Amino acid sequence: MGLDKDAQLISLGLFELNNNEIQIDKSLSQFYYCETYNGTSSILIELNREISTEKEKDRLSNLINRIGTKPNADHHIHFDIAVINKTFIVNFPNVKLKNKLLDTNSL
């Protein structure tokens, strides 16, 4: 499976586990600005109308710090991590998630 060259990070949510319990107070939900194409016209999608470049950079920085070196689990996680890493390159060229991954598709 490859990464579509136009794939973009639209939204992201995460939560932490502690002793096999979800830590709701440590959950994170973020929306990002993205641009998509419909035939010949460009469609701008603003899921949160006030997303500035600086705010998006702050969100990505927060995400990097929250994830740290913790293992990550998700359904088809390799695709998601590729999109996240593609998004990081714009603001943080030297940052790439290399955490241990668990793809729930294999469970």
PDB file of N, CA and C in Angstrom:
ATOM      1  N   MET A   1       0.852  -1.177   0.000  1.00  0.00           N
ATOM      2  CA  MET A   1       0.000   0.000   0.000  1.00  0.00           C
ATOM      3  C   MET A   1       0.897   1.239   0.000  1.00  0.00           C
ATOM      4  N   GLY A   2       0.608   2.174  -0.864  1.00  0.00           N
ATOM      5  CA  GLY A   2       1.385   3.388  -0.936  1.00  0.00           C
ATOM      6  C   GLY A   2       0.605   4.584  -0.444  1.00  0.00           C
ATOM      7  N   LEU A   3       1.310   5.655  -0.237  1.00  0.00           N
ATOM      8  CA  LEU A   3       0.704   6.902   0.201  1.00  0.00           C
ATOM      9  C   LEU A   3       0.337   7.726  -1.014  1.00  0.00           C
ATOM     10  N   ASP A   4      -0.922   8.091  -1.125  1.00  0.00           N
ATOM     11  CA  ASP A   4      -1.377   8.961  -2.190  1.00  0.00           C
ATOM     12  C   ASP A   4      -0.630  10.283  -2.055  1.00  0.00           C
ATOM     13  N   LYS A   5      -0.072  10.780  -3.137  1.00  0.00           N
ATOM     14  CA  LYS A   5       0.728  12.019  -3.066  1.00  0.00           C
ATOM     15  C   LYS A   5      -0.090  13.211  -2.583  1.00  0.00           C
ATOM     16  N   ASP A   6      -1.416  13.153  -2.716  1.00  0.00           N
ATOM     17  CA  ASP A   6      -2.264  14.257  -2.281  1.00  0.00           C
ATOM     18  C   ASP A   6      -2.848  14.053  -0.883  1.00  0.00           C
ATOM     19  N   ALA A   7      -2.502  12.956  -0.207  1.00  0.00           N
ATOM     20  CA  ALA A   7      -3.047  12.692   1.128  1.00  0.00           C
ATOM     21  C   ALA A   7      -2.611  13.790   2.086  1.00  0.00           C
ATOM     22  N   GLN A   8      -3.560  14.261   2.908  1.00  0.00           N
ATOM     23  CA  GLN A   8      -3.284  15.337   3.866  1.00  0.00           C
ATOM     24  C   GLN A   8      -3.869  14.993   5.225  1.00  0.00           C
ATOM     25  N   LEU A   9      -3.268  15.533   6.251  1.00  0.00           N
ATOM     26  CA  LEU A   9      -3.779  15.378   7.601  1.00  0.00           C
ATOM     27  C   LEU A   9      -4.981  16.302   7.759  1.00  0.00           C
ATOM     28  N   ILE A  10      -6.144  15.731   8.077  1.00  0.00           N
ATOM     29  CA  ILE A  10      -7.370  16.512   8.233  1.00  0.00           C
ATOM     30  C   ILE A  10      -7.723  16.651   9.708  1.00  0.00           C
ATOM     31  N   SER A  11      -7.730  15.546  10.404  1.00  0.00           N
ATOM     32  CA  SER A  11      -8.022  15.585  11.836  1.00  0.00           C
ATOM     33  C   SER A  11      -7.251  14.476  12.522  1.00  0.00           C
ATOM     34  N   LEU A  12      -7.097  14.618  13.818  1.00  0.00           N
ATOM     35  CA  LEU A  12      -6.325  13.657  14.572  1.00  0.00           C
ATOM     36  C   LEU A  12      -6.871  13.593  15.990  1.00  0.00           C
ATOM     37  N   GLY A  13      -6.949  12.420  16.518  1.00  0.00           N
ATOM     38  CA  GLY A  13      -7.357  12.239  17.906  1.00  0.00           C
ATOM     39  C   GLY A  13      -6.452  11.217  18.558  1.00  0.00           C
ATOM     40  N   LEU A  14      -6.168  11.405  19.816  1.00  0.00           N
ATOM     41  CA  LEU A  14      -5.372  10.420  20.529  1.00  0.00           C
ATOM     42  C   LEU A  14      -5.811  10.378  21.980  1.00  0.00           C
ATOM     43  N   PHE A  15      -5.507   9.266  22.604  1.00  0.00           N
ATOM     44  CA  PHE A  15      -5.740   9.121  24.034  1.00  0.00           C
ATOM     45  C   PHE A  15      -4.615   8.273  24.596  1.00  0.00           C
ATOM     46  N   GLU A  16      -4.421   8.387  25.890  1.00  0.00           N
ATOM     47  CA  GLU A  16      -3.378   7.623  26.558  1.00  0.00           C
ATOM     48  C   GLU A  16      -3.999   6.549  27.428  1.00  0.00           C
ATOM     49  N   LEU A  17      -3.263   5.459  27.579  1.00  0.00           N
ATOM     50  CA  LEU A  17      -3.664   4.383  28.471  1.00  0.00           C
ATOM     51  C   LEU A  17      -2.741   4.374  29.682  1.00  0.00           C
ATOM     52  N   ASN A  18      -3.310   4.106  30.848  1.00  0.00           N
ATOM     53  CA  ASN A  18      -2.536   3.937  32.065  1.00  0.00           C
ATOM     54  C   ASN A  18      -3.163   2.769  32.812  1.00  0.00           C
ATOM     55  N   ASN A  19      -2.399   1.716  33.026  1.00  0.00           N
ATOM     56  CA  ASN A  19      -2.916   0.499  33.660  1.00  0.00           C
ATOM     57  C   ASN A  19      -4.156  -0.012  32.935  1.00  0.00           C
ATOM     58  N   ASN A  20      -4.092  -0.032  31.602  1.00  0.00           N
ATOM     59  CA  ASN A  20      -5.180  -0.515  30.740  1.00  0.00           C
ATOM     60  C   ASN A  20      -6.460   0.302  30.855  1.00  0.00           C
ATOM     61  N   GLU A  21      -6.386   1.532  31.331  1.00  0.00           N
ATOM     62  CA  GLU A  21      -7.540   2.421  31.413  1.00  0.00           C
ATOM     63  C   GLU A  21      -7.288   3.662  30.568  1.00  0.00           C
ATOM     64  N   ILE A  22      -8.302   4.062  29.810  1.00  0.00           N
ATOM     65  CA  ILE A  22      -8.196   5.267  28.984  1.00  0.00           C
ATOM     66  C   ILE A  22      -8.199   6.493  29.890  1.00  0.00           C
ATOM     67  N   GLN A  23      -7.237   7.377  29.673  1.00  0.00           N
ATOM     68  CA  GLN A  23      -7.122   8.619  30.428  1.00  0.00           C
ATOM     69  C   GLN A  23      -7.816   9.743  29.648  1.00  0.00           C
ATOM     70  N   ILE A  24      -9.115   9.901  29.886  1.00  0.00           N
ATOM     71  CA  ILE A  24      -9.910  10.897  29.151  1.00  0.00           C
ATOM     72  C   ILE A  24      -9.320  12.295  29.303  1.00  0.00           C
ATOM     73  N   ASP A  25      -8.835  12.640  30.489  1.00  0.00           N
ATOM     74  CA  ASP A  25      -8.297  13.978  30.722  1.00  0.00           C
ATOM     75  C   ASP A  25      -7.015  14.233  29.932  1.00  0.00           C
ATOM     76  N   LYS A  26      -6.425  13.207  29.361  1.00  0.00           N
ATOM     77  CA  LYS A  26      -5.209  13.369  28.558  1.00  0.00           C
ATOM     78  C   LYS A  26      -5.485  13.155  27.064  1.00  0.00           C
ATOM     79  N   SER A  27      -6.768  13.173  26.682  1.00  0.00           N
ATOM     80  CA  SER A  27      -7.100  12.970  25.270  1.00  0.00           C
ATOM     81  C   SER A  27      -6.821  14.245  24.477  1.00  0.00           C
ATOM     82  N   LEU A  28      -6.708  14.089  23.182  1.00  0.00           N
ATOM     83  CA  LEU A  28      -6.393  15.203  22.301  1.00  0.00           C
ATOM     84  C   LEU A  28      -7.187  15.038  21.012  1.00  0.00           C
ATOM     85  N   SER A  29      -7.818  16.111  20.557  1.00  0.00           N
ATOM     86  CA  SER A  29      -8.552  16.110  19.302  1.00  0.00           C
ATOM     87  C   SER A  29      -8.185  17.386  18.560  1.00  0.00           C
ATOM     88  N   GLN A  30      -7.666  17.243  17.346  1.00  0.00           N
ATOM     89  CA  GLN A  30      -7.226  18.401  16.574  1.00  0.00           C
ATOM     90  C   GLN A  30      -7.756  18.325  15.147  1.00  0.00           C
ATOM     91  N   PHE A  31      -8.031  19.484  14.575  1.00  0.00           N
ATOM     92  CA  PHE A  31      -8.414  19.601  13.179  1.00  0.00           C
ATOM     93  C   PHE A  31      -7.360  20.442  12.477  1.00  0.00           C
ATOM     94  N   TYR A  32      -7.105  20.145  11.221  1.00  0.00           N
ATOM     95  CA  TYR A  32      -6.084  20.836  10.449  1.00  0.00           C
ATOM     96  C   TYR A  32      -6.695  21.407   9.178  1.00  0.00           C
ATOM     97  N   TYR A  33      -6.019  22.397   8.622  1.00  0.00           N
ATOM     98  CA  TYR A  33      -6.423  22.996   7.357  1.00  0.00           C
ATOM     99  C   TYR A  33      -5.971  22.061   6.243  1.00  0.00           C
ATOM    100  N   CYS A  34      -6.799  21.826   5.269  1.00  0.00           N
ATOM    101  CA  CYS A  34      -6.371  21.022   4.127  1.00  0.00           C
ATOM    102  C   CYS A  34      -7.000  21.564   2.860  1.00  0.00           C
ATOM    103  N   GLU A  35      -6.404  21.212   1.747  1.00  0.00           N
ATOM    104  CA  GLU A  35      -6.908  21.612   0.445  1.00  0.00           C
ATOM    105  C   GLU A  35      -7.093  20.352  -0.378  1.00  0.00           C
ATOM    106  N   THR A  36      -8.206  20.245  -1.033  1.00  0.00           N
ATOM    107  CA  THR A  36      -8.467  19.079  -1.871  1.00  0.00           C
ATOM    108  C   THR A  36      -8.934  19.535  -3.242  1.00  0.00           C
ATOM    109  N   TYR A  37      -8.874  18.670  -4.209  1.00  0.00           N
ATOM    110  CA  TYR A  37      -9.204  19.025  -5.584  1.00  0.00           C
ATOM    111  C   TYR A  37     -10.383  18.198  -6.061  1.00  0.00           C
ATOM    112  N   ASN A  38     -11.293  18.851  -6.749  1.00  0.00           N
ATOM    113  CA  ASN A  38     -12.468  18.198  -7.298  1.00  0.00           C
ATOM    114  C   ASN A  38     -12.445  18.452  -8.803  1.00  0.00           C
ATOM    115  N   GLY A  39     -11.904  17.514  -9.550  1.00  0.00           N
ATOM    116  CA  GLY A  39     -11.782  17.725 -10.996  1.00  0.00           C
ATOM    117  C   GLY A  39     -10.820  18.857 -11.287  1.00  0.00           C
ATOM    118  N   THR A  40     -11.331  19.941 -11.840  1.00  0.00           N
ATOM    119  CA  THR A  40     -10.473  21.072 -12.191  1.00  0.00           C
ATOM    120  C   THR A  40     -10.519  22.195 -11.164  1.00  0.00           C
ATOM    121  N   SER A  41     -11.460  22.111 -10.194  1.00  0.00           N
ATOM    122  CA  SER A  41     -11.551  23.209  -9.229  1.00  0.00           C
ATOM    123  C   SER A  41     -10.950  22.813  -7.887  1.00  0.00           C
ATOM    124  N   SER A  42     -10.441  23.782  -7.186  1.00  0.00           N
ATOM    125  CA  SER A  42      -9.839  23.566  -5.881  1.00  0.00           C
ATOM    126  C   SER A  42     -10.878  23.853  -4.803  1.00  0.00           C
ATOM    127  N   ILE A  43     -10.973  22.958  -3.830  1.00  0.00           N
ATOM    128  CA  ILE A  43     -11.915  23.141  -2.729  1.00  0.00           C
ATOM    129  C   ILE A  43     -11.110  23.292  -1.448  1.00  0.00           C
ATOM    130  N   LEU A  44     -11.314  24.376  -0.752  1.00  0.00           N
ATOM    131  CA  LEU A  44     -10.638  24.576   0.520  1.00  0.00           C
ATOM    132  C   LEU A  44     -11.546  24.100   1.634  1.00  0.00           C
ATOM    133  N   ILE A  45     -11.022  23.252   2.488  1.00  0.00           N
ATOM    134  CA  ILE A  45     -11.801  22.730   3.607  1.00  0.00           C
ATOM    135  C   ILE A  45     -11.215  23.305   4.888  1.00  0.00           C
ATOM    136  N   GLU A  46     -12.004  24.054   5.608  1.00  0.00           N
ATOM    137  CA  GLU A  46     -11.567  24.555   6.897  1.00  0.00           C
ATOM    138  C   GLU A  46     -12.474  23.947   7.949  1.00  0.00           C
ATOM    139  N   LEU A  47     -12.007  22.894   8.601  1.00  0.00           N
ATOM    140  CA  LEU A  47     -12.798  22.241   9.626  1.00  0.00           C
ATOM    141  C   LEU A  47     -12.866  23.110  10.875  1.00  0.00           C
ATOM    142  N   ASN A  48     -11.852  23.904  11.083  1.00  0.00           N
ATOM    143  CA  ASN A  48     -11.838  24.877  12.156  1.00  0.00           C
ATOM    144  C   ASN A  48     -11.472  26.200  11.488  1.00  0.00           C
ATOM    145  N   ARG A  49     -12.376  27.144  11.450  1.00  0.00           N
ATOM    146  CA  ARG A  49     -12.204  28.356  10.654  1.00  0.00           C
ATOM    147  C   ARG A  49     -11.016  29.226  11.052  1.00  0.00           C
ATOM    148  N   GLU A  50     -10.467  29.039  12.218  1.00  0.00           N
ATOM    149  CA  GLU A  50      -9.385  29.902  12.681  1.00  0.00           C
ATOM    150  C   GLU A  50      -8.026  29.207  12.694  1.00  0.00           C
ATOM    151  N   ILE A  51      -7.794  28.276  11.794  1.00  0.00           N
ATOM    152  CA  ILE A  51      -6.515  27.575  11.771  1.00  0.00           C
ATOM    153  C   ILE A  51      -5.513  28.394  10.957  1.00  0.00           C
ATOM    154  N   SER A  52      -4.566  28.989  11.632  1.00  0.00           N
ATOM    155  CA  SER A  52      -3.506  29.731  10.971  1.00  0.00           C
ATOM    156  C   SER A  52      -2.287  28.819  10.852  1.00  0.00           C
ATOM    157  N   THR A  53      -1.336  29.225  10.041  1.00  0.00           N
ATOM    158  CA  THR A  53      -0.109  28.445   9.886  1.00  0.00           C
ATOM    159  C   THR A  53       0.601  28.302  11.222  1.00  0.00           C
ATOM    160  N   GLU A  54       0.649  29.382  11.994  1.00  0.00           N
ATOM    161  CA  GLU A  54       1.326  29.337  13.295  1.00  0.00           C
ATOM    162  C   GLU A  54       0.576  28.420  14.263  1.00  0.00           C
ATOM    163  N   LYS A  55      -0.742  28.483  14.240  1.00  0.00           N
ATOM    164  CA  LYS A  55      -1.536  27.619  15.119  1.00  0.00           C
ATOM    165  C   LYS A  55      -1.339  26.151  14.737  1.00  0.00           C
ATOM    166  N   GLU A  56      -1.297  25.873  13.438  1.00  0.00           N
ATOM    167  CA  GLU A  56      -1.068  24.496  13.001  1.00  0.00           C
ATOM    168  C   GLU A  56       0.318  24.026  13.436  1.00  0.00           C
ATOM    169  N   LYS A  57       1.311  24.891  13.349  1.00  0.00           N
ATOM    170  CA  LYS A  57       2.663  24.526  13.788  1.00  0.00           C
ATOM    171  C   LYS A  57       2.663  24.232  15.290  1.00  0.00           C
ATOM    172  N   ASP A  58       1.939  25.037  16.066  1.00  0.00           N
ATOM    173  CA  ASP A  58       1.828  24.789  17.505  1.00  0.00           C
ATOM    174  C   ASP A  58       1.154  23.447  17.779  1.00  0.00           C
ATOM    175  N   ARG A  59       0.112  23.135  17.011  1.00  0.00           N
ATOM    176  CA  ARG A  59      -0.585  21.855  17.190  1.00  0.00           C
ATOM    177  C   ARG A  59       0.340  20.683  16.881  1.00  0.00           C
ATOM    178  N   LEU A  60       1.104  20.804  15.809  1.00  0.00           N
ATOM    179  CA  LEU A  60       2.030  19.733  15.451  1.00  0.00           C
ATOM    180  C   LEU A  60       3.120  19.577  16.504  1.00  0.00           C
ATOM    181  N   SER A  61       3.613  20.691  17.024  1.00  0.00           N
ATOM    182  CA  SER A  61       4.621  20.644  18.081  1.00  0.00           C
ATOM    183  C   SER A  61       4.061  19.957  19.321  1.00  0.00           C
ATOM    184  N   ASN A  62       2.824  20.294  19.685  1.00  0.00           N
ATOM    185  CA  ASN A  62       2.159  19.653  20.815  1.00  0.00           C
ATOM    186  C   ASN A  62       2.021  18.155  20.561  1.00  0.00           C
ATOM    187  N   LEU A  63       1.662  17.790  19.346  1.00  0.00           N
ATOM    188  CA  LEU A  63       1.510  16.383  18.990  1.00  0.00           C
ATOM    189  C   LEU A  63       2.837  15.636  19.134  1.00  0.00           C
ATOM    190  N   ILE A  64       3.903  16.216  18.628  1.00  0.00           N
ATOM    191  CA  ILE A  64       5.233  15.606  18.733  1.00  0.00           C
ATOM    192  C   ILE A  64       5.583  15.352  20.196  1.00  0.00           C
ATOM    193  N   ASN A  65       5.345  16.357  21.035  1.00  0.00           N
ATOM    194  CA  ASN A  65       5.660  16.222  22.460  1.00  0.00           C
ATOM    195  C   ASN A  65       4.778  15.189  23.151  1.00  0.00           C
ATOM    196  N   ARG A  66       3.507  15.140  22.791  1.00  0.00           N
ATOM    197  CA  ARG A  66       2.575  14.185  23.414  1.00  0.00           C
ATOM    198  C   ARG A  66       2.908  12.747  23.047  1.00  0.00           C
ATOM    199  N   ILE A  67       3.250  12.529  21.783  1.00  0.00           N
ATOM    200  CA  ILE A  67       3.554  11.169  21.342  1.00  0.00           C
ATOM    201  C   ILE A  67       4.896  10.701  21.895  1.00  0.00           C
ATOM    202  N   GLY A  68       5.884  11.577  21.835  1.00  0.00           N
ATOM    203  CA  GLY A  68       7.197  11.202  22.346  1.00  0.00           C
ATOM    204  C   GLY A  68       7.681   9.896  21.747  1.00  0.00           C
ATOM    205  N   THR A  69       8.107   8.983  22.608  1.00  0.00           N
ATOM    206  CA  THR A  69       8.589   7.676  22.155  1.00  0.00           C
ATOM    207  C   THR A  69       7.599   6.569  22.491  1.00  0.00           C
ATOM    208  N   LYS A  70       6.374   6.949  22.856  1.00  0.00           N
ATOM    209  CA  LYS A  70       5.353   5.962  23.226  1.00  0.00           C
ATOM    210  C   LYS A  70       4.947   5.134  22.017  1.00  0.00           C
ATOM    211  N   PRO A  71       4.588   3.880  22.237  1.00  0.00           N
ATOM    212  CA  PRO A  71       4.076   3.066  21.130  1.00  0.00           C
ATOM    213  C   PRO A  71       2.738   3.615  20.644  1.00  0.00           C
ATOM    214  N   ASN A  72       2.443   3.408  19.367  1.00  0.00           N
ATOM    215  CA  ASN A  72       1.217   3.916  18.748  1.00  0.00           C
ATOM    216  C   ASN A  72       0.406   2.762  18.183  1.00  0.00           C
ATOM    217  N   ALA A  73      -0.913   2.796  18.393  1.00  0.00           N
ATOM    218  CA  ALA A  73      -1.815   1.783  17.849  1.00  0.00           C
ATOM    219  C   ALA A  73      -2.917   2.478  17.066  1.00  0.00           C
ATOM    220  N   ASP A  74      -3.283   1.885  15.938  1.00  0.00           N
ATOM    221  CA  ASP A  74      -4.332   2.452  15.089  1.00  0.00           C
ATOM    222  C   ASP A  74      -4.681   1.414  14.024  1.00  0.00           C
ATOM    223  N   HIS A  75      -5.799   1.612  13.372  1.00  0.00           N
ATOM    224  CA  HIS A  75      -6.210   0.739  12.272  1.00  0.00           C
ATOM    225  C   HIS A  75      -5.547   1.237  10.999  1.00  0.00           C
ATOM    226  N   HIS A  76      -4.788   0.410  10.330  1.00  0.00           N
ATOM    227  CA  HIS A  76      -3.982   0.780   9.163  1.00  0.00           C
ATOM    228  C   HIS A  76      -3.015   1.908   9.524  1.00  0.00           C
ATOM    229  N   ILE A  77      -2.303   1.727  10.606  1.00  0.00           N
ATOM    230  CA  ILE A  77      -1.451   2.779  11.180  1.00  0.00           C
ATOM    231  C   ILE A  77      -0.316   3.217  10.261  1.00  0.00           C
ATOM    232  N   HIS A  78       0.187   2.346   9.422  1.00  0.00           N
ATOM    233  CA  HIS A  78       1.318   2.732   8.577  1.00  0.00           C
ATOM    234  C   HIS A  78       0.925   3.849   7.603  1.00  0.00           C
ATOM    235  N   PHE A  79      -0.296   3.810   7.117  1.00  0.00           N
ATOM    236  CA  PHE A  79      -0.784   4.894   6.253  1.00  0.00           C
ATOM    237  C   PHE A  79      -0.885   6.190   7.068  1.00  0.00           C
ATOM    238  N   ASP A  80      -1.487   6.103   8.259  1.00  0.00           N
ATOM    239  CA  ASP A  80      -1.664   7.300   9.099  1.00  0.00           C
ATOM    240  C   ASP A  80      -0.331   7.923   9.489  1.00  0.00           C
ATOM    241  N   ILE A  81       0.626   7.093   9.872  1.00  0.00           N
ATOM    242  CA  ILE A  81       1.949   7.607  10.257  1.00  0.00           C
ATOM    243  C   ILE A  81       2.626   8.259   9.055  1.00  0.00           C
ATOM    244  N   ALA A  82       2.460   7.690   7.865  1.00  0.00           N
ATOM    245  CA  ALA A  82       3.040   8.293   6.660  1.00  0.00           C
ATOM    246  C   ALA A  82       2.449   9.684   6.414  1.00  0.00           C
ATOM    247  N   VAL A  83       1.137   9.844   6.601  1.00  0.00           N
ATOM    248  CA  VAL A  83       0.496  11.157   6.411  1.00  0.00           C
ATOM    249  C   VAL A  83       0.994  12.130   7.480  1.00  0.00           C
ATOM    250  N   ILE A  84       1.093  11.684   8.730  1.00  0.00           N
ATOM    251  CA  ILE A  84       1.586  12.546   9.805  1.00  0.00           C
ATOM    252  C   ILE A  84       3.021  12.969   9.515  1.00  0.00           C
ATOM    253  N   ASN A  85       3.886  12.035   9.137  1.00  0.00           N
ATOM    254  CA  ASN A  85       5.276  12.378   8.831  1.00  0.00           C
ATOM    255  C   ASN A  85       5.372  13.335   7.652  1.00  0.00           C
ATOM    256  N   LYS A  86       4.508  13.156   6.656  1.00  0.00           N
ATOM    257  CA  LYS A  86       4.474  14.077   5.510  1.00  0.00           C
ATOM    258  C   LYS A  86       4.111  15.489   5.986  1.00  0.00           C
ATOM    259  N   THR A  87       3.202  15.589   6.949  1.00  0.00           N
ATOM    260  CA  THR A  87       2.791  16.880   7.500  1.00  0.00           C
ATOM    261  C   THR A  87       3.917  17.507   8.321  1.00  0.00           C
ATOM    262  N   PHE A  88       4.647  16.697   9.078  1.00  0.00           N
ATOM    263  CA  PHE A  88       5.758  17.206   9.883  1.00  0.00           C
ATOM    264  C   PHE A  88       6.832  17.848   9.017  1.00  0.00           C
ATOM    265  N   ILE A  89       7.116  17.260   7.856  1.00  0.00           N
ATOM    266  CA  ILE A  89       8.212  17.722   6.999  1.00  0.00           C
ATOM    267  C   ILE A  89       8.132  19.213   6.699  1.00  0.00           C
ATOM    268  N   VAL A  90       6.922  19.745   6.562  1.00  0.00           N
ATOM    269  CA  VAL A  90       6.739  21.148   6.222  1.00  0.00           C
ATOM    270  C   VAL A  90       7.305  22.070   7.308  1.00  0.00           C
ATOM    271  N   ASN A  91       7.007  21.778   8.587  1.00  0.00           N
ATOM    272  CA  ASN A  91       7.429  22.654   9.682  1.00  0.00           C
ATOM    273  C   ASN A  91       8.607  22.118  10.486  1.00  0.00           C
ATOM    274  N   PHE A  92       8.794  20.815  10.473  1.00  0.00           N
ATOM    275  CA  PHE A  92       9.842  20.188  11.273  1.00  0.00           C
ATOM    276  C   PHE A  92      10.580  19.155  10.408  1.00  0.00           C
ATOM    277  N   PRO A  93      11.436  19.608   9.493  1.00  0.00           N
ATOM    278  CA  PRO A  93      12.062  18.700   8.518  1.00  0.00           C
ATOM    279  C   PRO A  93      12.853  17.548   9.142  1.00  0.00           C
ATOM    280  N   ASN A  94      13.344  17.707  10.351  1.00  0.00           N
ATOM    281  CA  ASN A  94      14.154  16.667  10.974  1.00  0.00           C
ATOM    282  C   ASN A  94      13.361  15.737  11.874  1.00  0.00           C
ATOM    283  N   VAL A  95      12.036  15.908  11.930  1.00  0.00           N
ATOM    284  CA  VAL A  95      11.199  15.094  12.808  1.00  0.00           C
ATOM    285  C   VAL A  95      10.479  14.032  11.988  1.00  0.00           C
ATOM    286  N   LYS A  96      10.549  12.806  12.476  1.00  0.00           N
ATOM    287  CA  LYS A  96       9.850  11.696  11.839  1.00  0.00           C
ATOM    288  C   LYS A  96       9.484  10.707  12.940  1.00  0.00           C
ATOM    289  N   LEU A  97       8.214  10.306  12.974  1.00  0.00           N
ATOM    290  CA  LEU A  97       7.794   9.332  13.973  1.00  0.00           C
ATOM    291  C   LEU A  97       8.409   7.977  13.653  1.00  0.00           C
ATOM    292  N   LYS A  98       9.105   7.414  14.635  1.00  0.00           N
ATOM    293  CA  LYS A  98       9.737   6.110  14.475  1.00  0.00           C
ATOM    294  C   LYS A  98       9.347   5.203  15.643  1.00  0.00           C
ATOM    295  N   ASN A  99       8.205   5.495  16.235  1.00  0.00           N
ATOM    296  CA  ASN A  99       7.741   4.756  17.401  1.00  0.00           C
ATOM    297  C   ASN A  99       7.358   3.320  17.035  1.00  0.00           C
ATOM    298  N   LYS A 100       7.278   2.476  18.063  1.00  0.00           N
ATOM    299  CA  LYS A 100       6.774   1.128  17.872  1.00  0.00           C
ATOM    300  C   LYS A 100       5.310   1.242  17.472  1.00  0.00           C
ATOM    301  N   LEU A 101       4.880   0.484  16.456  1.00  0.00           N
ATOM    302  CA  LEU A 101       3.527   0.590  15.924  1.00  0.00           C
ATOM    303  C   LEU A 101       2.777  -0.726  16.056  1.00  0.00           C
ATOM    304  N   LEU A 102       1.485  -0.601  16.337  1.00  0.00           N
ATOM    305  CA  LEU A 102       0.588  -1.755  16.361  1.00  0.00           C
ATOM    306  C   LEU A 102      -0.574  -1.452  15.438  1.00  0.00           C
ATOM    307  N   ASP A 103      -0.709  -2.236  14.386  1.00  0.00           N
ATOM    308  CA  ASP A 103      -1.826  -2.069  13.456  1.00  0.00           C
ATOM    309  C   ASP A 103      -2.970  -2.963  13.917  1.00  0.00           C
ATOM    310  N   THR A 104      -4.071  -2.351  14.351  1.00  0.00           N
ATOM    311  CA  THR A 104      -5.204  -3.130  14.867  1.00  0.00           C
ATOM    312  C   THR A 104      -5.866  -3.954  13.773  1.00  0.00           C
ATOM    313  N   ASN A 105      -5.543  -3.684  12.511  1.00  0.00           N
ATOM    314  CA  ASN A 105      -6.057  -4.501  11.425  1.00  0.00           C
ATOM    315  C   ASN A 105      -5.570  -5.955  11.558  1.00  0.00           C
ATOM    316  N   SER A 106      -4.416  -6.140  12.172  1.00  0.00           N
ATOM    317  CA  SER A 106      -3.847  -7.489  12.297  1.00  0.00           C
ATOM    318  C   SER A 106      -4.353  -8.225  13.534  1.00  0.00           C
ATOM    319  N   LEU A 107      -5.174  -7.588  14.361  1.00  0.00           N
ATOM    320  CA  LEU A 107      -5.650  -8.255  15.566  1.00  0.00           C
ATOM    321  C   LEU A 107      -6.829  -9.165  15.278  1.00  0.00           C
TER     322      LEU A 107
END
